Amino acid sequence: MERLEILNGDQIQKKIDRLTYEIYEDTVNEKSIILAGIAGTGYAFSERIFNCLKNISDQEIQHIKISLEKDDPLSNAIDLGIDPSKLEGATVILLDDVVNSGRTMIYAAAEILRNKVRVLKTAVLVDRRHRRYPIKSDFVGLEVSTTLQNHIAVDFESKEAKAFLE
């Protein structure tokens, strides 16, 4: 199958701006929040949200990278990128670029929930809605109905970010 562009750089930025305001509105009464991006393009997405959020909010915002083996999350320890004790009582937003089956997101969420966080919410740029795991996206840039054979790729490294359906 040929690559079909589903979001161009301008559209991605507009979605990031909207998601940033949604996250801010939802957490406006929080003194501090933690943005936890899943390593890879999920972290690149979370960086963009972080940079926008720090421009509109006076909250203390921590930005961390969660590292895990996406194909086999239990094969290695999940690295939260922060001392787990700092999650106690925290408001955490878990971010990834695309949620497919929900496996990566649910294993990352489970690791966060080993700590007594106050609130855990999720944000994604693209939600494919093909769940095999019970994870919900609280903040969504774009919902796309695809076949199970399709793949969505987000490229944040080129001059202009793009999202493709493959």
N, C-alpha and C. Protein backbone atom coordinates (compact mmCIF):
# COMPACT_ATOMS: atom_id res chain seq x y z
N MET A 1 0.84 -1.20 0.00
CA MET A 1 0.00 0.00 0.00
C MET A 1 0.88 1.25 0.00
N GLU A 2 0.45 2.21 -0.70
CA GLU A 2 1.12 3.49 -0.82
C GLU A 2 0.91 4.31 0.46
N ARG A 3 1.86 5.20 0.77
CA ARG A 3 1.74 6.07 1.95
C ARG A 3 0.76 7.19 1.65
N LEU A 4 -0.18 7.39 2.55
CA LEU A 4 -1.17 8.44 2.42
C LEU A 4 -0.98 9.42 3.57
N GLU A 5 -0.72 10.67 3.25
CA GLU A 5 -0.54 11.68 4.29
C GLU A 5 -1.90 11.97 4.92
N ILE A 6 -1.97 11.80 6.26
CA ILE A 6 -3.23 12.09 6.95
C ILE A 6 -3.17 13.40 7.74
N LEU A 7 -1.95 13.85 8.05
CA LEU A 7 -1.76 15.14 8.72
C LEU A 7 -0.47 15.77 8.19
N ASN A 8 -0.56 17.05 7.82
CA ASN A 8 0.66 17.76 7.45
C ASN A 8 1.17 18.52 8.68
N GLY A 9 2.29 19.20 8.52
CA GLY A 9 2.91 19.89 9.66
C GLY A 9 2.01 20.93 10.30
N ASP A 10 1.30 21.70 9.49
CA ASP A 10 0.40 22.73 10.01
C ASP A 10 -0.75 22.09 10.79
N GLN A 11 -1.30 21.03 10.26
CA GLN A 11 -2.40 20.33 10.94
C GLN A 11 -1.93 19.71 12.26
N ILE A 12 -0.73 19.13 12.25
CA ILE A 12 -0.17 18.56 13.48
C ILE A 12 0.01 19.65 14.52
N GLN A 13 0.54 20.81 14.11
CA GLN A 13 0.75 21.90 15.07
C GLN A 13 -0.58 22.38 15.65
N LYS A 14 -1.60 22.48 14.83
CA LYS A 14 -2.92 22.90 15.32
C LYS A 14 -3.47 21.89 16.33
N LYS A 15 -3.26 20.62 16.07
CA LYS A 15 -3.73 19.58 17.01
C LYS A 15 -2.94 19.66 18.31
N ILE A 16 -1.64 19.90 18.20
CA ILE A 16 -0.81 20.04 19.40
C ILE A 16 -1.24 21.26 20.21
N ASP A 17 -1.51 22.37 19.53
CA ASP A 17 -1.98 23.57 20.23
C ASP A 17 -3.29 23.29 20.96
N ARG A 18 -4.24 22.63 20.27
CA ARG A 18 -5.54 22.33 20.89
C ARG A 18 -5.38 21.37 22.06
N LEU A 19 -4.57 20.33 21.88
CA LEU A 19 -4.34 19.37 22.97
C LEU A 19 -3.69 20.04 24.17
N THR A 20 -2.77 20.95 23.90
CA THR A 20 -2.10 21.68 24.98
C THR A 20 -3.13 22.45 25.81
N TYR A 21 -4.03 23.15 25.15
CA TYR A 21 -5.06 23.90 25.88
C TYR A 21 -6.02 22.97 26.62
N GLU A 22 -6.35 21.84 26.03
CA GLU A 22 -7.22 20.87 26.72
C GLU A 22 -6.54 20.35 27.98
N ILE A 23 -5.25 20.02 27.87
CA ILE A 23 -4.51 19.54 29.05
C ILE A 23 -4.43 20.64 30.09
N TYR A 24 -4.14 21.86 29.67
CA TYR A 24 -4.06 22.98 30.61
C TYR A 24 -5.40 23.20 31.31
N GLU A 25 -6.49 23.23 30.55
CA GLU A 25 -7.82 23.43 31.14
C GLU A 25 -8.16 22.32 32.13
N ASP A 26 -7.74 21.11 31.84
CA ASP A 26 -8.04 19.98 32.72
C ASP A 26 -7.18 20.00 33.99
N THR A 27 -6.00 20.61 33.93
CA THR A 27 -5.08 20.58 35.06
C THR A 27 -4.83 21.97 35.66
N VAL A 28 -5.61 22.96 35.27
CA VAL A 28 -5.35 24.34 35.67
C VAL A 28 -5.25 24.52 37.18
N ASN A 29 -5.93 23.72 37.95
CA ASN A 29 -5.89 23.86 39.40
C ASN A 29 -4.76 23.08 40.06
N GLU A 30 -3.96 22.42 39.25
CA GLU A 30 -2.81 21.66 39.77
C GLU A 30 -1.61 22.58 39.88
N LYS A 31 -0.89 22.49 40.99
CA LYS A 31 0.32 23.28 41.17
C LYS A 31 1.42 22.78 40.24
N SER A 32 1.46 21.46 40.05
CA SER A 32 2.49 20.88 39.18
C SER A 32 1.92 19.67 38.45
N ILE A 33 2.50 19.38 37.29
CA ILE A 33 2.12 18.20 36.53
C ILE A 33 3.38 17.56 35.95
N ILE A 34 3.24 16.29 35.62
CA ILE A 34 4.34 15.56 34.98
C ILE A 34 3.85 15.09 33.62
N LEU A 35 4.56 15.48 32.56
CA LEU A 35 4.30 14.98 31.22
C LEU A 35 5.26 13.82 30.99
N ALA A 36 4.71 12.64 30.72
CA ALA A 36 5.51 11.43 30.55
C ALA A 36 5.36 10.93 29.11
N GLY A 37 6.37 11.18 28.29
CA GLY A 37 6.33 10.76 26.89
C GLY A 37 6.97 9.39 26.72
N ILE A 38 6.36 8.56 25.90
CA ILE A 38 6.91 7.24 25.62
C ILE A 38 8.04 7.40 24.61
N ALA A 39 9.20 6.83 24.92
CA ALA A 39 10.41 6.99 24.11
C ALA A 39 10.14 6.79 22.62
N GLY A 40 10.84 7.56 21.81
CA GLY A 40 10.66 7.52 20.36
C GLY A 40 9.80 8.69 19.94
N THR A 41 8.91 8.45 18.99
CA THR A 41 8.07 9.54 18.50
C THR A 41 7.04 9.99 19.54
N GLY A 42 6.72 9.14 20.50
CA GLY A 42 5.86 9.56 21.60
C GLY A 42 6.51 10.64 22.43
N TYR A 43 7.82 10.51 22.64
CA TYR A 43 8.55 11.52 23.39
C TYR A 43 8.68 12.81 22.57
N ALA A 44 8.89 12.68 21.27
CA ALA A 44 8.96 13.87 20.40
C ALA A 44 7.62 14.62 20.45
N PHE A 45 6.52 13.90 20.44
CA PHE A 45 5.19 14.50 20.58
C PHE A 45 5.06 15.19 21.93
N SER A 46 5.48 14.52 23.00
CA SER A 46 5.35 15.10 24.34
C SER A 46 6.23 16.34 24.50
N GLU A 47 7.37 16.37 23.81
CA GLU A 47 8.23 17.56 23.84
C GLU A 47 7.51 18.77 23.28
N ARG A 48 6.78 18.56 22.21
CA ARG A 48 6.04 19.67 21.59
C ARG A 48 4.92 20.15 22.52
N ILE A 49 4.23 19.23 23.16
CA ILE A 49 3.19 19.61 24.13
C ILE A 49 3.84 20.37 25.29
N PHE A 50 4.95 19.85 25.79
CA PHE A 50 5.67 20.49 26.90
C PHE A 50 6.06 21.93 26.55
N ASN A 51 6.64 22.13 25.36
CA ASN A 51 7.07 23.47 24.96
C ASN A 51 5.89 24.43 24.83
N CYS A 52 4.77 23.96 24.33
CA CYS A 52 3.57 24.81 24.24
C CYS A 52 2.99 25.09 25.62
N LEU A 53 2.93 24.06 26.46
CA LEU A 53 2.33 24.20 27.78
C LEU A 53 3.10 25.17 28.67
N LYS A 54 4.42 25.11 28.60
CA LYS A 54 5.20 26.02 29.46
C LYS A 54 5.05 27.48 29.03
N ASN A 55 4.56 27.71 27.79
CA ASN A 55 4.32 29.08 27.33
C ASN A 55 2.98 29.64 27.80
N ILE A 56 2.05 28.79 28.20
CA ILE A 56 0.74 29.28 28.61
C ILE A 56 0.42 29.04 30.09
N SER A 57 1.28 28.30 30.76
CA SER A 57 0.99 27.92 32.14
C SER A 57 2.10 28.36 33.08
N ASP A 58 1.71 28.68 34.31
CA ASP A 58 2.72 28.99 35.32
C ASP A 58 2.92 27.81 36.27
N GLN A 59 2.37 26.67 35.89
CA GLN A 59 2.53 25.46 36.70
C GLN A 59 3.98 24.98 36.62
N GLU A 60 4.37 24.21 37.63
CA GLU A 60 5.65 23.50 37.56
C GLU A 60 5.39 22.28 36.69
N ILE A 61 6.12 22.17 35.58
CA ILE A 61 5.90 21.07 34.64
C ILE A 61 7.19 20.29 34.51
N GLN A 62 7.12 19.01 34.84
CA GLN A 62 8.26 18.12 34.62
C GLN A 62 7.99 17.32 33.36
N HIS A 63 9.04 17.09 32.59
CA HIS A 63 8.92 16.33 31.35
C HIS A 63 9.87 15.14 31.44
N ILE A 64 9.31 13.93 31.38
CA ILE A 64 10.12 12.72 31.52
C ILE A 64 9.91 11.80 30.32
N LYS A 65 10.89 10.92 30.12
CA LYS A 65 10.84 9.95 29.02
C LYS A 65 10.71 8.55 29.61
N ILE A 66 9.66 7.84 29.21
CA ILE A 66 9.46 6.45 29.64
C ILE A 66 10.02 5.54 28.55
N SER A 67 10.94 4.67 28.94
CA SER A 67 11.56 3.75 27.98
C SER A 67 11.11 2.33 28.26
N LEU A 68 10.63 1.67 27.21
CA LEU A 68 10.23 0.27 27.32
C LEU A 68 10.34 -0.39 25.96
N GLU A 69 10.44 -1.69 25.97
CA GLU A 69 10.49 -2.48 24.74
C GLU A 69 9.06 -2.58 24.22
N LYS A 70 8.76 -1.87 23.13
CA LYS A 70 7.38 -1.79 22.65
C LYS A 70 6.83 -3.13 22.17
N ASP A 71 7.67 -3.95 21.55
CA ASP A 71 7.19 -5.24 21.04
C ASP A 71 7.02 -6.28 22.14
N ASP A 72 7.78 -6.14 23.23
CA ASP A 72 7.72 -7.10 24.33
C ASP A 72 7.98 -6.35 25.64
N PRO A 73 6.97 -5.63 26.15
CA PRO A 73 7.18 -4.75 27.30
C PRO A 73 7.72 -5.43 28.56
N LEU A 74 7.53 -6.73 28.69
CA LEU A 74 8.00 -7.41 29.89
C LEU A 74 9.41 -7.98 29.75
N SER A 75 10.03 -7.83 28.56
CA SER A 75 11.35 -8.41 28.34
C SER A 75 12.45 -7.64 29.09
N ASN A 76 12.25 -6.38 29.36
CA ASN A 76 13.20 -5.55 30.11
C ASN A 76 12.42 -4.68 31.08
N ALA A 77 13.14 -4.18 32.07
CA ALA A 77 12.51 -3.27 33.03
C ALA A 77 12.06 -2.00 32.32
N ILE A 78 10.95 -1.45 32.74
CA ILE A 78 10.46 -0.19 32.20
C ILE A 78 11.11 0.94 32.99
N ASP A 79 11.74 1.87 32.27
CA ASP A 79 12.42 2.99 32.89
C ASP A 79 11.51 4.21 32.83
N LEU A 80 11.10 4.69 33.99
CA LEU A 80 10.20 5.85 34.06
C LEU A 80 10.91 7.18 33.84
N GLY A 81 12.22 7.19 33.88
CA GLY A 81 12.94 8.44 33.65
C GLY A 81 12.86 9.40 34.82
N ILE A 82 12.44 8.91 35.97
CA ILE A 82 12.29 9.75 37.16
C ILE A 82 12.37 8.83 38.38
N ASP A 83 12.79 9.36 39.49
CA ASP A 83 12.75 8.60 40.73
C ASP A 83 11.27 8.32 41.03
N PRO A 84 10.88 7.04 41.11
CA PRO A 84 9.46 6.72 41.30
C PRO A 84 8.82 7.40 42.52
N SER A 85 9.59 7.71 43.54
CA SER A 85 9.02 8.37 44.71
C SER A 85 8.48 9.77 44.36
N LYS A 86 8.98 10.38 43.29
CA LYS A 86 8.51 11.71 42.88
C LYS A 86 7.13 11.66 42.23
N LEU A 87 6.64 10.44 41.96
CA LEU A 87 5.30 10.30 41.38
C LEU A 87 4.21 10.29 42.46
N GLU A 88 4.61 10.12 43.69
CA GLU A 88 3.65 10.08 44.81
C GLU A 88 2.81 11.35 44.84
N GLY A 89 1.51 11.22 44.69
CA GLY A 89 0.59 12.34 44.74
C GLY A 89 0.59 13.22 43.49
N ALA A 90 1.29 12.78 42.44
CA ALA A 90 1.44 13.61 41.24
C ALA A 90 0.28 13.47 40.27
N THR A 91 0.12 14.50 39.45
CA THR A 91 -0.77 14.45 38.30
C THR A 91 0.10 14.17 37.09
N VAL A 92 -0.16 13.04 36.44
CA VAL A 92 0.67 12.59 35.33
C VAL A 92 -0.17 12.50 34.06
N ILE A 93 0.39 13.05 32.98
CA ILE A 93 -0.20 12.90 31.66
C ILE A 93 0.76 12.02 30.86
N LEU A 94 0.29 10.84 30.46
CA LEU A 94 1.07 9.89 29.68
C LEU A 94 0.80 10.16 28.20
N LEU A 95 1.86 10.39 27.42
CA LEU A 95 1.70 10.78 26.01
C LEU A 95 2.38 9.80 25.06
N ASP A 96 1.72 9.55 23.93
CA ASP A 96 2.31 8.78 22.84
C ASP A 96 1.79 9.36 21.53
N ASP A 97 2.52 9.14 20.46
CA ASP A 97 2.11 9.71 19.17
C ASP A 97 0.89 8.99 18.61
N VAL A 98 0.90 7.65 18.62
CA VAL A 98 -0.19 6.86 18.06
C VAL A 98 -0.53 5.75 19.05
N VAL A 99 -1.82 5.55 19.29
CA VAL A 99 -2.22 4.39 20.08
C VAL A 99 -2.92 3.42 19.13
N ASN A 100 -2.38 2.22 19.06
CA ASN A 100 -2.91 1.18 18.19
C ASN A 100 -3.69 0.18 19.02
N SER A 101 -3.02 -0.86 19.45
CA SER A 101 -3.68 -1.90 20.26
C SER A 101 -3.82 -1.45 21.71
N GLY A 102 -3.00 -0.51 22.14
CA GLY A 102 -3.02 -0.04 23.52
C GLY A 102 -1.96 -0.70 24.38
N ARG A 103 -1.20 -1.66 23.82
CA ARG A 103 -0.23 -2.41 24.61
C ARG A 103 0.85 -1.52 25.22
N THR A 104 1.50 -0.70 24.41
CA THR A 104 2.57 0.15 24.93
C THR A 104 2.04 1.08 26.01
N MET A 105 0.91 1.70 25.74
CA MET A 105 0.33 2.65 26.68
C MET A 105 -0.06 1.97 27.99
N ILE A 106 -0.65 0.77 27.91
CA ILE A 106 -1.12 0.14 29.15
C ILE A 106 0.04 -0.34 30.02
N TYR A 107 1.12 -0.82 29.40
CA TYR A 107 2.27 -1.24 30.20
C TYR A 107 2.96 -0.03 30.83
N ALA A 108 3.04 1.07 30.10
CA ALA A 108 3.61 2.29 30.68
C ALA A 108 2.73 2.80 31.82
N ALA A 109 1.41 2.78 31.60
CA ALA A 109 0.47 3.22 32.65
C ALA A 109 0.57 2.32 33.88
N ALA A 110 0.69 1.01 33.66
CA ALA A 110 0.80 0.08 34.79
C ALA A 110 2.05 0.38 35.62
N GLU A 111 3.14 0.70 34.95
CA GLU A 111 4.38 1.02 35.68
C GLU A 111 4.22 2.32 36.47
N ILE A 112 3.57 3.30 35.89
CA ILE A 112 3.31 4.56 36.62
C ILE A 112 2.44 4.28 37.83
N LEU A 113 1.44 3.42 37.65
CA LEU A 113 0.49 3.15 38.73
C LEU A 113 1.05 2.26 39.85
N ARG A 114 2.29 1.82 39.72
CA ARG A 114 2.96 1.12 40.83
C ARG A 114 3.22 2.12 41.96
N ASN A 115 3.03 3.39 41.64
CA ASN A 115 3.24 4.49 42.59
C ASN A 115 1.88 5.13 42.87
N LYS A 116 1.78 5.80 43.97
CA LYS A 116 0.49 6.39 44.36
C LYS A 116 0.31 7.76 43.72
N VAL A 117 0.11 7.75 42.39
CA VAL A 117 -0.16 9.01 41.70
C VAL A 117 -1.57 9.48 42.06
N ARG A 118 -1.78 10.77 41.99
CA ARG A 118 -3.10 11.32 42.28
C ARG A 118 -4.02 11.17 41.08
N VAL A 119 -3.50 11.49 39.88
CA VAL A 119 -4.28 11.44 38.65
C VAL A 119 -3.36 10.92 37.55
N LEU A 120 -3.89 10.05 36.69
CA LEU A 120 -3.19 9.61 35.48
C LEU A 120 -4.14 9.74 34.32
N LYS A 121 -3.74 10.52 33.32
CA LYS A 121 -4.53 10.69 32.09
C LYS A 121 -3.62 10.43 30.91
N THR A 122 -4.23 10.19 29.75
CA THR A 122 -3.46 9.89 28.55
C THR A 122 -3.77 10.87 27.44
N ALA A 123 -2.76 11.13 26.61
CA ALA A 123 -2.92 12.01 25.45
C ALA A 123 -2.20 11.39 24.26
N VAL A 124 -2.85 11.41 23.10
CA VAL A 124 -2.26 10.88 21.88
C VAL A 124 -2.55 11.81 20.72
N LEU A 125 -1.63 11.83 19.77
CA LEU A 125 -1.86 12.61 18.55
C LEU A 125 -2.88 11.90 17.67
N VAL A 126 -2.69 10.58 17.47
CA VAL A 126 -3.59 9.80 16.62
C VAL A 126 -4.07 8.57 17.38
N ASP A 127 -5.37 8.38 17.41
CA ASP A 127 -5.98 7.22 18.07
C ASP A 127 -6.62 6.35 16.99
N ARG A 128 -6.10 5.12 16.84
CA ARG A 128 -6.61 4.22 15.81
C ARG A 128 -7.83 3.43 16.26
N ARG A 129 -8.10 3.37 17.52
CA ARG A 129 -9.28 2.71 18.08
C ARG A 129 -9.29 1.18 17.91
N HIS A 130 -8.13 0.58 17.64
CA HIS A 130 -8.03 -0.89 17.56
C HIS A 130 -7.49 -1.41 18.88
N ARG A 131 -8.32 -1.53 19.87
CA ARG A 131 -7.86 -1.91 21.20
C ARG A 131 -7.85 -3.42 21.41
N ARG A 132 -6.75 -3.89 21.95
CA ARG A 132 -6.67 -5.23 22.51
C ARG A 132 -6.48 -5.14 24.02
N TYR A 133 -6.19 -3.92 24.48
CA TYR A 133 -5.97 -3.67 25.90
C TYR A 133 -6.89 -2.53 26.33
N PRO A 134 -7.39 -2.58 27.57
CA PRO A 134 -8.37 -1.57 28.02
C PRO A 134 -7.74 -0.26 28.43
N ILE A 135 -7.33 0.52 27.46
CA ILE A 135 -6.76 1.84 27.73
C ILE A 135 -7.59 2.87 26.98
N LYS A 136 -7.79 4.01 27.61
CA LYS A 136 -8.61 5.07 27.02
C LYS A 136 -7.72 6.29 26.80
N SER A 137 -7.93 6.95 25.68
CA SER A 137 -7.22 8.20 25.41
C SER A 137 -8.09 9.36 25.90
N ASP A 138 -7.58 10.10 26.89
CA ASP A 138 -8.35 11.22 27.44
C ASP A 138 -8.29 12.46 26.54
N PHE A 139 -7.14 12.65 25.90
CA PHE A 139 -6.95 13.80 25.01
C PHE A 139 -6.49 13.24 23.66
N VAL A 140 -7.24 13.52 22.60
CA VAL A 140 -6.97 12.93 21.29
C VAL A 140 -6.90 14.02 20.22
N GLY A 141 -5.83 13.97 19.42
CA GLY A 141 -5.71 14.91 18.31
C GLY A 141 -6.59 14.52 17.14
N LEU A 142 -6.52 13.24 16.75
CA LEU A 142 -7.27 12.75 15.59
C LEU A 142 -7.62 11.28 15.80
N GLU A 143 -8.88 10.94 15.59
CA GLU A 143 -9.31 9.54 15.59
C GLU A 143 -9.40 9.07 14.16
N VAL A 144 -8.82 7.91 13.88
CA VAL A 144 -8.81 7.37 12.53
C VAL A 144 -9.28 5.93 12.57
N SER A 145 -10.23 5.61 11.71
CA SER A 145 -10.66 4.22 11.56
C SER A 145 -9.86 3.62 10.41
N THR A 146 -9.14 2.57 10.70
CA THR A 146 -8.31 1.91 9.70
C THR A 146 -8.54 0.41 9.80
N THR A 147 -7.93 -0.33 8.91
CA THR A 147 -7.95 -1.78 9.03
C THR A 147 -6.81 -2.19 9.96
N LEU A 148 -6.86 -3.41 10.45
CA LEU A 148 -5.79 -3.89 11.32
C LEU A 148 -4.46 -3.99 10.58
N GLN A 149 -4.51 -4.11 9.25
CA GLN A 149 -3.28 -4.22 8.46
C GLN A 149 -2.60 -2.87 8.24
N ASN A 150 -3.32 -1.78 8.41
CA ASN A 150 -2.75 -0.46 8.22
C ASN A 150 -1.82 -0.10 9.38
N HIS A 151 -0.91 0.80 9.07
CA HIS A 151 0.02 1.31 10.07
C HIS A 151 0.02 2.83 9.96
N ILE A 152 0.10 3.51 11.08
CA ILE A 152 0.21 4.97 11.06
C ILE A 152 1.59 5.33 11.60
N ALA A 153 2.29 6.16 10.84
CA ALA A 153 3.62 6.61 11.23
C ALA A 153 3.61 8.13 11.33
N VAL A 154 4.22 8.64 12.38
CA VAL A 154 4.36 10.08 12.56
C VAL A 154 5.84 10.40 12.45
N ASP A 155 6.17 11.39 11.64
CA ASP A 155 7.55 11.80 11.42
C ASP A 155 7.73 13.20 12.00
N PHE A 156 8.45 13.29 13.12
CA PHE A 156 8.74 14.58 13.72
C PHE A 156 10.15 15.05 13.37
N GLU A 157 10.92 14.22 12.67
CA GLU A 157 12.32 14.54 12.41
C GLU A 157 12.54 15.35 11.15
N SER A 158 11.64 15.25 10.18
CA SER A 158 11.82 16.02 8.95
C SER A 158 11.54 17.50 9.23
N LYS A 159 11.84 18.34 8.27
CA LYS A 159 11.65 19.79 8.44
C LYS A 159 10.23 20.12 8.85
N GLU A 160 9.26 19.46 8.20
CA GLU A 160 7.85 19.65 8.56
C GLU A 160 7.29 18.31 9.01
N ALA A 161 6.76 18.26 10.22
CA ALA A 161 6.21 17.02 10.75
C ALA A 161 5.03 16.55 9.88
N LYS A 162 4.88 15.23 9.78
CA LYS A 162 3.78 14.66 9.00
C LYS A 162 3.35 13.35 9.63
N ALA A 163 2.11 12.98 9.38
CA ALA A 163 1.60 11.67 9.79
C ALA A 163 1.10 10.96 8.55
N PHE A 164 1.43 9.67 8.45
CA PHE A 164 1.09 8.87 7.27
C PHE A 164 0.32 7.63 7.65
N LEU A 165 -0.58 7.23 6.77
CA LEU A 165 -1.25 5.93 6.84
C LEU A 165 -0.54 5.05 5.82
N GLU A 166 -0.04 3.91 6.28
CA GLU A 166 0.69 3.01 5.39
C GLU A 166 -0.06 1.69 5.27
